[in-house]
């Protein structure tokens, strides 16, 4: 047999087995999802989790404000350092990098 013929036979065999197996897996997964759709998740308390997440969001919003304040302070400190370095240079001196 030629290589192309062997390759065609292999592709047909894989397709003949793979398509039904894939279809069965899709049907089984769909049935599993549908059967659990009406049931609450196991181990979840729902309202308690929502409250905990709301508290965490509040904490993160507070940290966001603190982060903005720290960024402003850092910018101020950087500007002060630049001004100090410029004042320390002699008149007419150029910066070498």
PDB file of N, CA and C in Angstrom:
ATOM      1  N   UNK A   1       0.832  -1.179   0.000  1.00  0.00           N
ATOM      2  CA  UNK A   1       0.000   0.000   0.000  1.00  0.00           C
ATOM      3  C   UNK A   1       0.872   1.236   0.000  1.00  0.00           C
ATOM      4  N   UNK A   2       0.327   2.275  -0.574  1.00  0.00           N
ATOM      5  CA  UNK A   2       1.048   3.535  -0.604  1.00  0.00           C
ATOM      6  C   UNK A   2       0.841   4.289   0.701  1.00  0.00           C
ATOM      7  N   UNK A   3       1.720   5.231   0.932  1.00  0.00           N
ATOM      8  CA  UNK A   3       1.657   6.026   2.155  1.00  0.00           C
ATOM      9  C   UNK A   3       0.347   6.790   2.254  1.00  0.00           C
ATOM     10  N   UNK A   4      -0.097   7.386   1.139  1.00  0.00           N
ATOM     11  CA  UNK A   4      -1.334   8.164   1.135  1.00  0.00           C
ATOM     12  C   UNK A   4      -2.534   7.290   1.472  1.00  0.00           C
ATOM     13  N   UNK A   5      -2.553   6.077   1.006  1.00  0.00           N
ATOM     14  CA  UNK A   5      -3.658   5.163   1.282  1.00  0.00           C
ATOM     15  C   UNK A   5      -3.669   4.787   2.760  1.00  0.00           C
ATOM     16  N   UNK A   6      -2.500   4.513   3.300  1.00  0.00           N
ATOM     17  CA  UNK A   6      -2.401   4.173   4.723  1.00  0.00           C
ATOM     18  C   UNK A   6      -2.857   5.362   5.570  1.00  0.00           C
ATOM     19  N   UNK A   7      -2.431   6.566   5.196  1.00  0.00           N
ATOM     20  CA  UNK A   7      -2.820   7.764   5.924  1.00  0.00           C
ATOM     21  C   UNK A   7      -4.331   7.964   5.881  1.00  0.00           C
ATOM     22  N   UNK A   8      -4.937   7.727   4.737  1.00  0.00           N
ATOM     23  CA  UNK A   8      -6.395   7.861   4.602  1.00  0.00           C
ATOM     24  C   UNK A   8      -7.122   6.857   5.495  1.00  0.00           C
ATOM     25  N   UNK A   9      -6.610   5.625   5.555  1.00  0.00           N
ATOM     26  CA  UNK A   9      -7.229   4.597   6.390  1.00  0.00           C
ATOM     27  C   UNK A   9      -7.137   4.988   7.859  1.00  0.00           C
ATOM     28  N   UNK A  10      -5.982   5.511   8.276  1.00  0.00           N
ATOM     29  CA  UNK A  10      -5.801   5.926   9.664  1.00  0.00           C
ATOM     30  C   UNK A  10      -6.744   7.079  10.008  1.00  0.00           C
ATOM     31  N   UNK A  11      -6.855   8.057   9.120  1.00  0.00           N
ATOM     32  CA  UNK A  11      -7.737   9.194   9.361  1.00  0.00           C
ATOM     33  C   UNK A  11      -9.179   8.736   9.457  1.00  0.00           C
ATOM     34  N   UNK A  12      -9.596   7.828   8.589  1.00  0.00           N
ATOM     35  CA  UNK A  12     -10.975   7.312   8.625  1.00  0.00           C
ATOM     36  C   UNK A  12     -11.232   6.542   9.924  1.00  0.00           C
ATOM     37  N   UNK A  13     -10.265   5.760  10.387  1.00  0.00           N
ATOM     38  CA  UNK A  13     -10.431   4.994  11.617  1.00  0.00           C
ATOM     39  C   UNK A  13     -10.539   5.924  12.818  1.00  0.00           C
ATOM     40  N   UNK A  14      -9.692   6.931  12.862  1.00  0.00           N
ATOM     41  CA  UNK A  14      -9.740   7.888  13.964  1.00  0.00           C
ATOM     42  C   UNK A  14     -11.069   8.631  13.951  1.00  0.00           C
ATOM     43  N   UNK A  15     -11.533   9.031  12.779  1.00  0.00           N
ATOM     44  CA  UNK A  15     -12.811   9.734  12.680  1.00  0.00           C
ATOM     45  C   UNK A  15     -13.965   8.822  13.082  1.00  0.00           C
ATOM     46  N   UNK A  16     -13.906   7.552  12.651  1.00  0.00           N
ATOM     47  CA  UNK A  16     -14.991   6.617  12.958  1.00  0.00           C
ATOM     48  C   UNK A  16     -15.096   6.359  14.457  1.00  0.00           C
ATOM     49  N   UNK A  17     -13.982   6.387  15.167  1.00  0.00           N
ATOM     50  CA  UNK A  17     -14.002   6.145  16.604  1.00  0.00           C
ATOM     51  C   UNK A  17     -14.134   7.464  17.365  1.00  0.00           C
ATOM     52  N   UNK A  18     -13.446   8.490  16.932  1.00  0.00           N
ATOM     53  CA  UNK A  18     -13.387   9.753  17.666  1.00  0.00           C
ATOM     54  C   UNK A  18     -14.684  10.535  17.677  1.00  0.00           C
ATOM     55  N   UNK A  19     -15.398  10.557  16.564  1.00  0.00           N
ATOM     56  CA  UNK A  19     -16.629  11.342  16.500  1.00  0.00           C
ATOM     57  C   UNK A  19     -17.687  10.805  17.465  1.00  0.00           C
ATOM     58  N   UNK A  20     -17.975   9.507  17.476  1.00  0.00           N
ATOM     59  CA  UNK A  20     -18.970   9.032  18.449  1.00  0.00           C
ATOM     60  C   UNK A  20     -18.532   9.200  19.906  1.00  0.00           C
ATOM     61  N   UNK A  21     -17.259   9.015  20.176  1.00  0.00           N
ATOM     62  CA  UNK A  21     -16.768   9.185  21.541  1.00  0.00           C
ATOM     63  C   UNK A  21     -16.909  10.647  21.965  1.00  0.00           C
ATOM     64  N   UNK A  22     -16.559  11.569  21.093  1.00  0.00           N
ATOM     65  CA  UNK A  22     -16.702  12.992  21.386  1.00  0.00           C
ATOM     66  C   UNK A  22     -18.157  13.382  21.582  1.00  0.00           C
ATOM     67  N   UNK A  23     -19.028  12.845  20.747  1.00  0.00           N
ATOM     68  CA  UNK A  23     -20.456  13.139  20.878  1.00  0.00           C
ATOM     69  C   UNK A  23     -20.993  12.613  22.209  1.00  0.00           C
ATOM     70  N   UNK A  24     -20.594  11.411  22.597  1.00  0.00           N
ATOM     71  CA  UNK A  24     -21.045  10.842  23.864  1.00  0.00           C
ATOM     72  C   UNK A  24     -20.563  11.697  25.033  1.00  0.00           C
ATOM     73  N   UNK A  25     -19.315  12.159  24.977  1.00  0.00           N
ATOM     74  CA  UNK A  25     -18.773  12.999  26.045  1.00  0.00           C
ATOM     75  C   UNK A  25     -19.545  14.316  26.131  1.00  0.00           C
ATOM     76  N   UNK A  26     -19.903  14.887  24.987  1.00  0.00           N
ATOM     77  CA  UNK A  26     -20.655  16.138  24.984  1.00  0.00           C
ATOM     78  C   UNK A  26     -22.042  15.939  25.584  1.00  0.00           C
ATOM     79  N   UNK A  27     -22.711  14.839  25.221  1.00  0.00           N
ATOM     80  CA  UNK A  27     -24.041  14.554  25.762  1.00  0.00           C
ATOM     81  C   UNK A  27     -23.955  14.317  27.270  1.00  0.00           C
ATOM     82  N   UNK A  28     -22.972  13.572  27.720  1.00  0.00           N
ATOM     83  CA  UNK A  28     -22.828  13.294  29.149  1.00  0.00           C
ATOM     84  C   UNK A  28     -22.555  14.580  29.928  1.00  0.00           C
ATOM     85  N   UNK A  29     -21.708  15.445  29.400  1.00  0.00           N
ATOM     86  CA  UNK A  29     -21.409  16.705  30.077  1.00  0.00           C
ATOM     87  C   UNK A  29     -22.649  17.597  30.131  1.00  0.00           C
ATOM     88  N   UNK A  30     -23.391  17.645  29.034  1.00  0.00           N
ATOM     89  CA  UNK A  30     -24.609  18.459  28.996  1.00  0.00           C
ATOM     90  C   UNK A  30     -25.637  17.955  30.004  1.00  0.00           C
ATOM     91  N   UNK A  31     -25.833  16.655  30.077  1.00  0.00           N
ATOM     92  CA  UNK A  31     -26.780  16.088  31.041  1.00  0.00           C
ATOM     93  C   UNK A  31     -26.340  16.394  32.473  1.00  0.00           C
ATOM     94  N   UNK A  32     -25.055  16.303  32.718  1.00  0.00           N
ATOM     95  CA  UNK A  32     -24.542  16.583  34.056  1.00  0.00           C
ATOM     96  C   UNK A  32     -24.799  18.036  34.446  1.00  0.00           C
ATOM     97  N   UNK A  33     -24.566  18.934  33.515  1.00  0.00           N
ATOM     98  CA  UNK A  33     -24.783  20.355  33.795  1.00  0.00           C
ATOM     99  C   UNK A  33     -26.263  20.622  34.016  1.00  0.00           C
ATOM    100  N   UNK A  34     -27.126  20.054  33.191  1.00  0.00           N
ATOM    101  CA  UNK A  34     -28.567  20.280  33.326  1.00  0.00           C
ATOM    102  C   UNK A  34     -29.103  19.694  34.626  1.00  0.00           C
ATOM    103  N   UNK A  35     -28.586  18.565  35.035  1.00  0.00           N
ATOM    104  CA  UNK A  35     -29.102  17.947  36.255  1.00  0.00           C
ATOM    105  C   UNK A  35     -28.719  18.746  37.498  1.00  0.00           C
ATOM    106  N   UNK A  36     -27.591  19.482  37.447  1.00  0.00           N
ATOM    107  CA  UNK A  36     -27.149  20.279  38.586  1.00  0.00           C
ATOM    108  C   UNK A  36     -27.631  21.719  38.525  1.00  0.00           C
ATOM    109  N   UNK A  37     -28.298  22.111  37.451  1.00  0.00           N
ATOM    110  CA  UNK A  37     -28.674  23.520  37.274  1.00  0.00           C
ATOM    111  C   UNK A  37     -29.619  24.002  38.368  1.00  0.00           C
ATOM    112  N   UNK A  38     -30.550  23.171  38.817  1.00  0.00           N
ATOM    113  CA  UNK A  38     -31.509  23.595  39.818  1.00  0.00           C
ATOM    114  C   UNK A  38     -31.029  23.445  41.242  1.00  0.00           C
ATOM    115  N   UNK A  39     -29.907  22.806  41.444  1.00  0.00           N
ATOM    116  CA  UNK A  39     -29.411  22.542  42.789  1.00  0.00           C
ATOM    117  C   UNK A  39     -28.371  23.589  43.186  1.00  0.00           C
ATOM    118  N   UNK A  40     -28.373  24.034  44.441  1.00  0.00           N
ATOM    119  CA  UNK A  40     -27.321  24.953  44.880  1.00  0.00           C
ATOM    120  C   UNK A  40     -25.983  24.217  44.943  1.00  0.00           C
ATOM    121  N   UNK A  41     -24.936  24.967  44.815  1.00  0.00           N
ATOM    122  CA  UNK A  41     -23.601  24.366  44.871  1.00  0.00           C
ATOM    123  C   UNK A  41     -23.369  23.738  46.239  1.00  0.00           C
ATOM    124  N   UNK A  42     -22.697  22.614  46.253  1.00  0.00           N
ATOM    125  CA  UNK A  42     -22.453  21.922  47.506  1.00  0.00           C
ATOM    126  C   UNK A  42     -21.454  22.708  48.347  1.00  0.00           C
ATOM    127  N   UNK A  43     -21.770  22.823  49.638  1.00  0.00           N
ATOM    128  CA  UNK A  43     -20.847  23.481  50.545  1.00  0.00           C
ATOM    129  C   UNK A  43     -20.915  24.992  50.514  1.00  0.00           C
ATOM    130  N   UNK A  44     -21.822  25.578  49.738  1.00  0.00           N
ATOM    131  CA  UNK A  44     -21.884  27.037  49.699  1.00  0.00           C
ATOM    132  C   UNK A  44     -22.997  27.524  50.600  1.00  0.00           C
ATOM    133  N   UNK A  45     -22.744  28.631  51.250  1.00  0.00           N
ATOM    134  CA  UNK A  45     -23.755  29.203  52.121  1.00  0.00           C
ATOM    135  C   UNK A  45     -24.422  30.391  51.477  1.00  0.00           C
ATOM    136  N   UNK A  46     -23.999  30.777  50.300  1.00  0.00           N
ATOM    137  CA  UNK A  46     -24.654  31.834  49.542  1.00  0.00           C
ATOM    138  C   UNK A  46     -24.541  33.196  50.179  1.00  0.00           C
ATOM    139  N   UNK A  47     -25.473  33.536  51.066  1.00  0.00           N
ATOM    140  CA  UNK A  47     -25.541  34.874  51.658  1.00  0.00           C
ATOM    141  C   UNK A  47     -24.278  35.198  52.452  1.00  0.00           C
ATOM    142  N   UNK A  48     -23.757  34.225  53.172  1.00  0.00           N
ATOM    143  CA  UNK A  48     -22.539  34.466  53.957  1.00  0.00           C
ATOM    144  C   UNK A  48     -21.352  34.770  53.044  1.00  0.00           C
ATOM    145  N   UNK A  49     -21.281  34.059  51.928  1.00  0.00           N
ATOM    146  CA  UNK A  49     -20.192  34.310  50.979  1.00  0.00           C
ATOM    147  C   UNK A  49     -20.319  35.695  50.366  1.00  0.00           C
ATOM    148  N   UNK A  50     -21.547  36.100  50.035  1.00  0.00           N
ATOM    149  CA  UNK A  50     -21.769  37.420  49.458  1.00  0.00           C
ATOM    150  C   UNK A  50     -21.347  38.508  50.442  1.00  0.00           C
ATOM    151  N   UNK A  51     -21.712  38.362  51.712  1.00  0.00           N
ATOM    152  CA  UNK A  51     -21.312  39.346  52.725  1.00  0.00           C
ATOM    153  C   UNK A  51     -19.799  39.413  52.881  1.00  0.00           C
ATOM    154  N   UNK A  52     -19.163  38.257  52.879  1.00  0.00           N
ATOM    155  CA  UNK A  52     -17.701  38.230  52.996  1.00  0.00           C
ATOM    156  C   UNK A  52     -17.055  38.926  51.804  1.00  0.00           C
ATOM    157  N   UNK A  53     -17.591  38.693  50.614  1.00  0.00           N
ATOM    158  CA  UNK A  53     -17.042  39.340  49.424  1.00  0.00           C
ATOM    159  C   UNK A  53     -17.280  40.846  49.455  1.00  0.00           C
ATOM    160  N   UNK A  54     -18.439  41.276  49.938  1.00  0.00           N
ATOM    161  CA  UNK A  54     -18.712  42.710  50.040  1.00  0.00           C
ATOM    162  C   UNK A  54     -17.758  43.374  51.021  1.00  0.00           C
ATOM    163  N   UNK A  55     -17.461  42.715  52.133  1.00  0.00           N
ATOM    164  CA  UNK A  55     -16.495  43.256  53.089  1.00  0.00           C
ATOM    165  C   UNK A  55     -15.121  43.375  52.454  1.00  0.00           C
ATOM    166  N   UNK A  56     -14.750  42.356  51.711  1.00  0.00           N
ATOM    167  CA  UNK A  56     -13.433  42.366  51.059  1.00  0.00           C
ATOM    168  C   UNK A  56     -13.337  43.486  50.033  1.00  0.00           C
ATOM    169  N   UNK A  57     -14.406  43.725  49.284  1.00  0.00           N
ATOM    170  CA  UNK A  57     -14.419  44.818  48.311  1.00  0.00           C
ATOM    171  C   UNK A  57     -14.267  46.152  49.024  1.00  0.00           C
ATOM    172  N   UNK A  58     -14.936  46.310  50.165  1.00  0.00           N
ATOM    173  CA  UNK A  58     -14.791  47.537  50.948  1.00  0.00           C
ATOM    174  C   UNK A  58     -13.356  47.755  51.396  1.00  0.00           C
ATOM    175  N   UNK A  59     -12.714  46.691  51.851  1.00  0.00           N
ATOM    176  CA  UNK A  59     -11.307  46.790  52.267  1.00  0.00           C
ATOM    177  C   UNK A  59     -10.421  47.200  51.093  1.00  0.00           C
ATOM    178  N   UNK A  60     -10.667  46.603  49.937  1.00  0.00           N
ATOM    179  CA  UNK A  60      -9.845  46.914  48.764  1.00  0.00           C
ATOM    180  C   UNK A  60     -10.047  48.344  48.299  1.00  0.00           C
ATOM    181  N   UNK A  61     -11.277  48.853  48.406  1.00  0.00           N
ATOM    182  CA  UNK A  61     -11.518  50.245  48.037  1.00  0.00           C
ATOM    183  C   UNK A  61     -10.761  51.183  48.972  1.00  0.00           C
ATOM    184  N   UNK A  62     -10.703  50.856  50.254  1.00  0.00           N
ATOM    185  CA  UNK A  62      -9.936  51.653  51.200  1.00  0.00           C
ATOM    186  C   UNK A  62      -8.452  51.628  50.870  1.00  0.00           C
ATOM    187  N   UNK A  63      -7.965  50.468  50.504  1.00  0.00           N
ATOM    188  CA  UNK A  63      -6.552  50.349  50.133  1.00  0.00           C
ATOM    189  C   UNK A  63      -6.252  51.118  48.851  1.00  0.00           C
ATOM    190  N   UNK A  64      -7.218  51.187  47.976  1.00  0.00           N
ATOM    191  CA  UNK A  64      -7.029  51.936  46.739  1.00  0.00           C
ATOM    192  C   UNK A  64      -6.800  53.415  47.038  1.00  0.00           C
ATOM    193  N   UNK A  65      -7.563  53.958  47.997  1.00  0.00           N
ATOM    194  CA  UNK A  65      -7.371  55.355  48.399  1.00  0.00           C
ATOM    195  C   UNK A  65      -6.007  55.582  49.014  1.00  0.00           C
ATOM    196  N   UNK A  66      -5.587  54.641  49.834  1.00  0.00           N
ATOM    197  CA  UNK A  66      -4.254  54.765  50.455  1.00  0.00           C
ATOM    198  C   UNK A  66      -3.162  54.696  49.394  1.00  0.00           C
ATOM    199  N   UNK A  67      -3.354  53.835  48.391  1.00  0.00           N
ATOM    200  CA  UNK A  67      -2.368  53.706  47.316  1.00  0.00           C
ATOM    201  C   UNK A  67      -2.253  55.020  46.539  1.00  0.00           C
ATOM    202  N   UNK A  68      -3.372  55.672  46.266  1.00  0.00           N
ATOM    203  CA  UNK A  68      -3.349  56.951  45.558  1.00  0.00           C
ATOM    204  C   UNK A  68      -2.593  57.998  46.372  1.00  0.00           C
ATOM    205  N   UNK A  69      -2.811  58.017  47.679  1.00  0.00           N
ATOM    206  CA  UNK A  69      -2.105  58.967  48.542  1.00  0.00           C
ATOM    207  C   UNK A  69      -0.597  58.691  48.535  1.00  0.00           C
ATOM    208  N   UNK A  70      -0.210  57.422  48.585  1.00  0.00           N
ATOM    209  CA  UNK A  70       1.217  57.078  48.549  1.00  0.00           C
ATOM    210  C   UNK A  70       1.847  57.465  47.214  1.00  0.00           C
ATOM    211  N   UNK A  71       1.107  57.302  46.131  1.00  0.00           N
ATOM    212  CA  UNK A  71       1.630  57.705  44.818  1.00  0.00           C
ATOM    213  C   UNK A  71       1.880  59.211  44.783  1.00  0.00           C
ATOM    214  N   UNK A  72       0.942  59.985  45.344  1.00  0.00           N
ATOM    215  CA  UNK A  72       1.127  61.434  45.386  1.00  0.00           C
ATOM    216  C   UNK A  72       2.348  61.805  46.221  1.00  0.00           C
ATOM    217  N   UNK A  73       2.533  61.145  47.344  1.00  0.00           N
ATOM    218  CA  UNK A  73       3.696  61.432  48.199  1.00  0.00           C
ATOM    219  C   UNK A  73       5.000  61.079  47.490  1.00  0.00           C
ATOM    220  N   UNK A  74       5.009  59.972  46.772  1.00  0.00           N
ATOM    221  CA  UNK A  74       6.206  59.574  46.034  1.00  0.00           C
ATOM    222  C   UNK A  74       6.522  60.585  44.938  1.00  0.00           C
ATOM    223  N   UNK A  75       5.503  61.037  44.213  1.00  0.00           N
ATOM    224  CA  UNK A  75       5.723  62.053  43.182  1.00  0.00           C
ATOM    225  C   UNK A  75       6.305  63.331  43.790  1.00  0.00           C
ATOM    226  N   UNK A  76       5.764  63.732  44.944  1.00  0.00           N
ATOM    227  CA  UNK A  76       6.260  64.934  45.618  1.00  0.00           C
ATOM    228  C   UNK A  76       7.726  64.754  46.005  1.00  0.00           C
ATOM    229  N   UNK A  77       8.052  63.600  46.584  1.00  0.00           N
ATOM    230  CA  UNK A  77       9.439  63.348  47.001  1.00  0.00           C
ATOM    231  C   UNK A  77      10.383  63.353  45.803  1.00  0.00           C
ATOM    232  N   UNK A  78       9.950  62.776  44.695  1.00  0.00           N
ATOM    233  CA  UNK A  78      10.790  62.778  43.494  1.00  0.00           C
ATOM    234  C   UNK A  78      11.027  64.198  42.998  1.00  0.00           C
ATOM    235  N   UNK A  79       9.982  65.023  43.004  1.00  0.00           N
ATOM    236  CA  UNK A  79      10.147  66.421  42.571  1.00  0.00           C
ATOM    237  C   UNK A  79      11.109  67.168  43.488  1.00  0.00           C
ATOM    238  N   UNK A  80      11.013  66.919  44.787  1.00  0.00           N
ATOM    239  CA  UNK A  80      11.915  67.583  45.736  1.00  0.00           C
ATOM    240  C   UNK A  80      13.368  67.174  45.492  1.00  0.00           C
ATOM    241  N   UNK A  81      13.588  65.889  45.227  1.00  0.00           N
ATOM    242  CA  UNK A  81      14.952  65.423  44.952  1.00  0.00           C
ATOM    243  C   UNK A  81      15.507  66.059  43.687  1.00  0.00           C
ATOM    244  N   UNK A  82      14.680  66.176  42.660  1.00  0.00           N
ATOM    245  CA  UNK A  82      15.142  66.796  41.416  1.00  0.00           C
ATOM    246  C   UNK A  82      15.497  68.255  41.662  1.00  0.00           C
ATOM    247  N   UNK A  83      14.667  68.966  42.406  1.00  0.00           N
ATOM    248  CA  UNK A  83      14.946  70.372  42.701  1.00  0.00           C
ATOM    249  C   UNK A  83      16.237  70.520  43.504  1.00  0.00           C
ATOM    250  N   UNK A  84      16.459  69.620  44.442  1.00  0.00           N
ATOM    251  CA  UNK A  84      17.670  69.685  45.274  1.00  0.00           C
ATOM    252  C   UNK A  84      18.903  69.432  44.415  1.00  0.00           C
ATOM    253  N   UNK A  85      18.845  68.467  43.522  1.00  0.00           N
ATOM    254  CA  UNK A  85      19.994  68.176  42.663  1.00  0.00           C
ATOM    255  C   UNK A  85      20.283  69.331  41.720  1.00  0.00           C
ATOM    256  N   UNK A  86      19.232  69.959  41.214  1.00  0.00           N
ATOM    257  CA  UNK A  86      19.434  71.095  40.319  1.00  0.00           C
ATOM    258  C   UNK A  86      20.061  72.274  41.072  1.00  0.00           C
ATOM    259  N   UNK A  87      19.679  72.457  42.309  1.00  0.00           N
ATOM    260  CA  UNK A  87      20.229  73.556  43.105  1.00  0.00           C
ATOM    261  C   UNK A  87      21.694  73.303  43.452  1.00  0.00           C
ATOM    262  N   UNK A  88      22.090  72.034  43.607  1.00  0.00           N
ATOM    263  CA  UNK A  88      23.473  71.698  43.973  1.00  0.00           C
ATOM    264  C   UNK A  88      24.435  71.852  42.806  1.00  0.00           C
ATOM    265  N   UNK A  89      23.929  71.817  41.589  1.00  0.00           N
ATOM    266  CA  UNK A  89      24.818  71.974  40.426  1.00  0.00           C
ATOM    267  C   UNK A  89      25.342  73.401  40.339  1.00  0.00           C
ATOM    268  N   UNK A  90      26.546  73.503  39.805  1.00  0.00           N
ATOM    269  CA  UNK A  90      27.115  74.823  39.582  1.00  0.00           C
ATOM    270  C   UNK A  90      26.450  75.444  38.357  1.00  0.00           C
ATOM    271  N   UNK A  91      26.362  76.728  38.320  1.00  0.00           N
ATOM    272  CA  UNK A  91      25.770  77.387  37.133  1.00  0.00           C
ATOM    273  C   UNK A  91      26.584  77.023  35.891  1.00  0.00           C
ATOM    274  N   UNK A  92      25.905  76.690  34.823  1.00  0.00           N
ATOM    275  CA  UNK A  92      26.569  76.353  33.574  1.00  0.00           C
ATOM    276  C   UNK A  92      26.992  74.907  33.471  1.00  0.00           C
ATOM    277  N   UNK A  93      26.870  74.139  34.533  1.00  0.00           N
ATOM    278  CA  UNK A  93      27.248  72.726  34.527  1.00  0.00           C
ATOM    279  C   UNK A  93      26.154  71.923  33.812  1.00  0.00           C
ATOM    280  N   UNK A  94      26.550  71.010  32.965  1.00  0.00           N
ATOM    281  CA  UNK A  94      25.563  70.156  32.275  1.00  0.00           C
ATOM    282  C   UNK A  94      25.571  68.782  32.881  1.00  0.00           C
ATOM    283  N   UNK A  95      24.443  68.151  32.811  1.00  0.00           N
ATOM    284  CA  UNK A  95      24.310  66.811  33.395  1.00  0.00           C
ATOM    285  C   UNK A  95      24.921  65.782  32.454  1.00  0.00           C
ATOM    286  N   UNK A  96      25.725  64.886  32.979  1.00  0.00           N
ATOM    287  CA  UNK A  96      26.357  63.825  32.195  1.00  0.00           C
ATOM    288  C   UNK A  96      25.677  62.510  32.554  1.00  0.00           C
ATOM    289  N   UNK A  97      25.244  61.790  31.541  1.00  0.00           N
ATOM    290  CA  UNK A  97      24.577  60.510  31.783  1.00  0.00           C
ATOM    291  C   UNK A  97      25.313  59.402  31.115  1.00  0.00           C
TER     292      UNK A  97
END
